[in-house]
């Protein structure tokens, strides 16, 4: 695997101070032996500074914000949790982007598969990994399995996990177990695709 820094964007509602993202970024660093740069969008930085929650701005405004952070890289991986992954998919045309990784891709708004976001995956110029929970309310196993995805998109499933990668109690799996699984899948996929 080449040396490829990973730029990792957060989801719509929780930034990089979120415990899950802190632990996932650390696990990715440890497993992949790559530098992981947390990408915090300006609206989230403001939210963390003031404590006032607000929804993200227009989606299209987040794309140049992410792009600006990687403009001096020769080669990198762009990644994100949920909304952050959706933004990452829009950067695959850049010469420096060698792969895209999405943790919990928001295939559609909760309960509204008719408003799907498959178009975000259609123009991908680089290989893309989506790691999805089988119980994800923004992209269920049943629904995603029936879609025709581009050849350069691979979906890996985490049994019993929801959109936040919390698993059913009966599976007797901690969030730490799941985070290690996410990082191991990422490492293996990057070795094969970069």
Protein backbone atom coordinates (compact mmCIF):
# COMPACT_ATOMS: atom_id res chain seq x y z
CA UNK A 1 0.00 0.00 0.00
CA UNK A 2 1.34 3.42 -0.98
CA UNK A 3 1.66 6.29 1.46
CA UNK A 4 -1.69 7.99 1.06
CA UNK A 5 -2.93 10.39 3.73
CA UNK A 6 -6.61 9.94 4.53
CA UNK A 7 -8.79 13.06 4.75
CA UNK A 8 -11.85 12.11 6.81
CA UNK A 9 -14.96 14.35 6.91
CA UNK A 10 -17.59 14.10 9.66
CA UNK A 11 -21.34 13.59 9.31
CA UNK A 12 -24.04 16.27 9.40
CA UNK A 13 -24.74 16.24 13.13
CA UNK A 14 -21.51 15.25 14.90
CA UNK A 15 -18.00 16.57 14.35
CA UNK A 16 -14.60 15.09 15.13
CA UNK A 17 -15.04 15.55 18.87
CA UNK A 18 -17.60 12.73 18.66
CA UNK A 19 -16.28 9.66 20.50
CA UNK A 20 -17.02 7.26 17.63
CA UNK A 21 -15.12 9.40 15.10
CA UNK A 22 -12.18 9.91 17.47
CA UNK A 23 -11.87 6.16 17.97
CA UNK A 24 -12.39 5.35 14.29
CA UNK A 25 -9.72 7.85 13.17
CA UNK A 26 -7.28 6.37 15.72
CA UNK A 27 -8.05 2.81 14.57
CA UNK A 28 -7.57 3.81 10.91
CA UNK A 29 -4.18 5.38 11.73
CA UNK A 30 -3.10 2.26 13.61
CA UNK A 31 -4.32 -0.27 11.03
CA UNK A 32 -3.39 1.51 7.80
CA UNK A 33 -0.20 3.21 9.09
CA UNK A 34 -1.36 6.33 7.21
CA UNK A 35 -1.83 9.88 8.46
CA UNK A 36 -5.53 10.61 9.06
CA UNK A 37 -6.54 14.27 8.75
CA UNK A 38 -9.93 15.09 10.31
CA UNK A 39 -11.91 17.39 7.99
CA UNK A 40 -14.12 19.75 9.99
CA UNK A 41 -16.45 21.90 7.91
CA UNK A 42 -16.70 25.54 8.97
CA UNK A 43 -20.35 25.24 10.12
CA UNK A 44 -19.32 22.44 12.51
CA UNK A 45 -16.28 24.37 13.77
CA UNK A 46 -18.64 27.26 14.55
CA UNK A 47 -21.08 24.88 16.25
CA UNK A 48 -18.30 23.42 18.39
CA UNK A 49 -17.04 26.91 19.27
CA UNK A 50 -20.41 28.35 20.28
CA UNK A 51 -22.33 25.24 21.38
CA UNK A 52 -25.25 26.30 19.15
CA UNK A 53 -26.41 23.40 16.99
CA UNK A 54 -27.50 24.16 13.47
CA UNK A 55 -28.01 22.15 10.30
CA UNK A 56 -25.29 22.04 7.67
CA UNK A 57 -25.34 24.69 4.92
CA UNK A 58 -26.22 23.92 1.32
CA UNK A 59 -24.49 20.66 0.41
CA UNK A 60 -22.75 22.11 -2.65
CA UNK A 61 -20.91 24.66 -0.48
CA UNK A 62 -19.16 21.84 1.42
CA UNK A 63 -17.48 20.44 -1.71
CA UNK A 64 -15.07 23.37 -2.33
CA UNK A 65 -14.37 23.51 1.42
CA UNK A 66 -13.15 19.88 1.37
CA UNK A 67 -11.35 20.40 -1.96
CA UNK A 68 -9.37 23.32 -0.56
CA UNK A 69 -7.92 21.10 2.19
CA UNK A 70 -6.42 18.61 -0.28
CA UNK A 71 -5.30 20.98 -3.05
CA UNK A 72 -1.60 20.67 -2.11
CA UNK A 73 -1.59 16.86 -1.93
CA UNK A 74 0.01 14.79 -4.70
CA UNK A 75 -2.04 11.74 -3.72
CA UNK A 76 -4.59 11.06 -0.99
CA UNK A 77 -7.71 9.16 0.02
CA UNK A 78 -10.91 11.08 0.76
CA UNK A 79 -13.33 9.59 3.25
CA UNK A 80 -16.28 10.49 5.39
CA UNK A 81 -19.01 9.41 7.74
CA UNK A 82 -22.49 9.73 6.22
CA UNK A 83 -22.75 13.27 4.77
CA UNK A 84 -18.94 13.56 4.83
CA UNK A 85 -18.75 10.49 2.61
CA UNK A 86 -21.27 11.98 0.23
CA UNK A 87 -19.08 15.10 -0.06
CA UNK A 88 -16.00 12.89 -0.59
CA UNK A 89 -17.65 11.18 -3.58
CA UNK A 90 -17.76 14.55 -5.32
CA UNK A 91 -13.94 14.90 -5.28
CA UNK A 92 -12.95 11.76 -7.22
CA UNK A 93 -12.27 13.78 -10.39
CA UNK A 94 -9.33 15.57 -8.74
CA UNK A 95 -5.92 14.21 -9.84
CA UNK A 96 -4.73 13.85 -6.22
CA UNK A 97 -7.68 11.64 -5.14
CA UNK A 98 -6.82 7.95 -5.49
CA UNK A 99 -9.75 6.38 -3.58
CA UNK A 100 -12.98 7.24 -1.77
CA UNK A 101 -14.23 5.60 1.44
CA UNK A 102 -17.70 6.10 2.90
CA UNK A 103 -18.69 4.91 6.37
CA UNK A 104 -22.49 4.68 6.41
CA UNK A 105 -23.33 6.22 3.03
CA UNK A 106 -26.67 8.08 3.19
CA UNK A 107 -28.28 6.38 0.19
CA UNK A 108 -31.56 8.18 0.99
CA UNK A 109 -33.12 10.28 3.77
CA UNK A 110 -34.55 8.10 6.58
CA UNK A 111 -37.72 6.39 5.37
CA UNK A 112 -37.58 7.99 1.89
CA UNK A 113 -35.84 5.60 -0.53
CA UNK A 114 -37.68 7.29 -3.42
CA UNK A 115 -35.43 10.35 -2.78
CA UNK A 116 -32.27 8.32 -3.28
CA UNK A 117 -28.77 9.74 -3.72
CA UNK A 118 -27.45 7.17 -6.18
CA UNK A 119 -26.46 9.98 -8.56
CA UNK A 120 -23.57 10.82 -6.21
CA UNK A 121 -21.99 7.47 -7.08
CA UNK A 122 -22.49 7.61 -10.85
CA UNK A 123 -19.58 9.86 -11.82
CA UNK A 124 -16.91 8.35 -9.57
CA UNK A 125 -13.50 8.37 -11.28
CA UNK A 126 -11.71 6.32 -8.59
CA UNK A 127 -12.48 3.14 -6.62
CA UNK A 128 -14.99 3.67 -3.83
CA UNK A 129 -15.59 1.58 -0.71
CA UNK A 130 -18.87 1.92 1.17
CA UNK A 131 -19.05 0.20 4.56
CA UNK A 132 -22.68 -0.06 5.59
CA UNK A 133 -24.59 -1.57 8.50
CA UNK A 134 -27.24 -4.13 7.54
CA UNK A 135 -29.76 -2.15 9.66
CA UNK A 136 -28.82 1.30 8.32
CA UNK A 137 -32.00 3.41 8.03
CA UNK A 138 -30.36 5.51 5.32
CA UNK A 139 -29.50 2.53 3.13
CA UNK A 140 -30.78 -0.91 4.09
CA UNK A 141 -29.24 -4.16 2.89
CA UNK A 142 -32.47 -5.09 1.10
CA UNK A 143 -32.77 -1.77 -0.77
CA UNK A 144 -29.08 -1.33 -1.64
CA UNK A 145 -28.81 -4.95 -2.86
CA UNK A 146 -31.51 -4.24 -5.45
CA UNK A 147 -29.70 -1.20 -6.91
CA UNK A 148 -27.33 -1.19 -9.86
CA UNK A 149 -24.13 0.43 -8.57
CA UNK A 150 -21.11 1.39 -10.71
CA UNK A 151 -18.40 -1.26 -11.08
CA UNK A 152 -15.88 0.82 -9.11
CA UNK A 153 -18.15 0.91 -6.01
CA UNK A 154 -17.81 -1.93 -3.49
CA UNK A 155 -20.21 -2.27 -0.55
CA UNK A 156 -19.11 -4.19 2.54
CA UNK A 157 -21.75 -5.00 5.15
CA UNK A 158 -21.45 -4.97 8.95
CA UNK A 159 -23.95 -7.49 10.30
CA UNK A 160 -26.59 -6.02 12.63
CA UNK A 161 -25.15 -2.48 12.59
CA UNK A 162 -27.23 0.69 12.23
CA UNK A 163 -26.21 4.03 10.65
CA UNK A 164 -23.97 4.79 13.66
CA UNK A 165 -22.53 1.25 13.56
CA UNK A 166 -24.23 0.25 16.81
CA UNK A 167 -25.08 -3.45 16.67
CA UNK A 168 -27.88 -5.54 18.11
CA UNK A 169 -27.23 -6.68 21.70
CA UNK A 170 -27.81 -10.30 20.74
CA UNK A 171 -24.69 -10.15 18.55
CA UNK A 172 -22.61 -9.50 21.69
CA UNK A 173 -20.35 -7.06 19.83
CA UNK A 174 -19.04 -3.83 21.33
CA UNK A 175 -18.59 -0.59 19.40
CA UNK A 176 -14.82 -1.13 19.81
CA UNK A 177 -15.14 -4.50 18.05
CA UNK A 178 -17.02 -2.81 15.21
CA UNK A 179 -14.48 0.02 14.93
CA UNK A 180 -11.65 -2.51 14.64
CA UNK A 181 -13.65 -4.33 11.96
CA UNK A 182 -14.18 -1.07 10.03
CA UNK A 183 -10.46 -0.25 10.19
CA UNK A 184 -9.43 -3.79 9.15
CA UNK A 185 -11.81 -3.74 6.15
CA UNK A 186 -10.43 -0.32 5.16
CA UNK A 187 -6.81 -1.48 5.37
CA UNK A 188 -7.45 -4.61 3.30
CA UNK A 189 -9.43 -2.70 0.66
CA UNK A 190 -6.77 0.04 0.35
CA UNK A 191 -4.07 -2.62 -0.10
CA UNK A 192 -6.03 -4.06 -3.02
CA UNK A 193 -7.20 -0.79 -4.61
CA UNK A 194 -4.42 1.81 -4.26
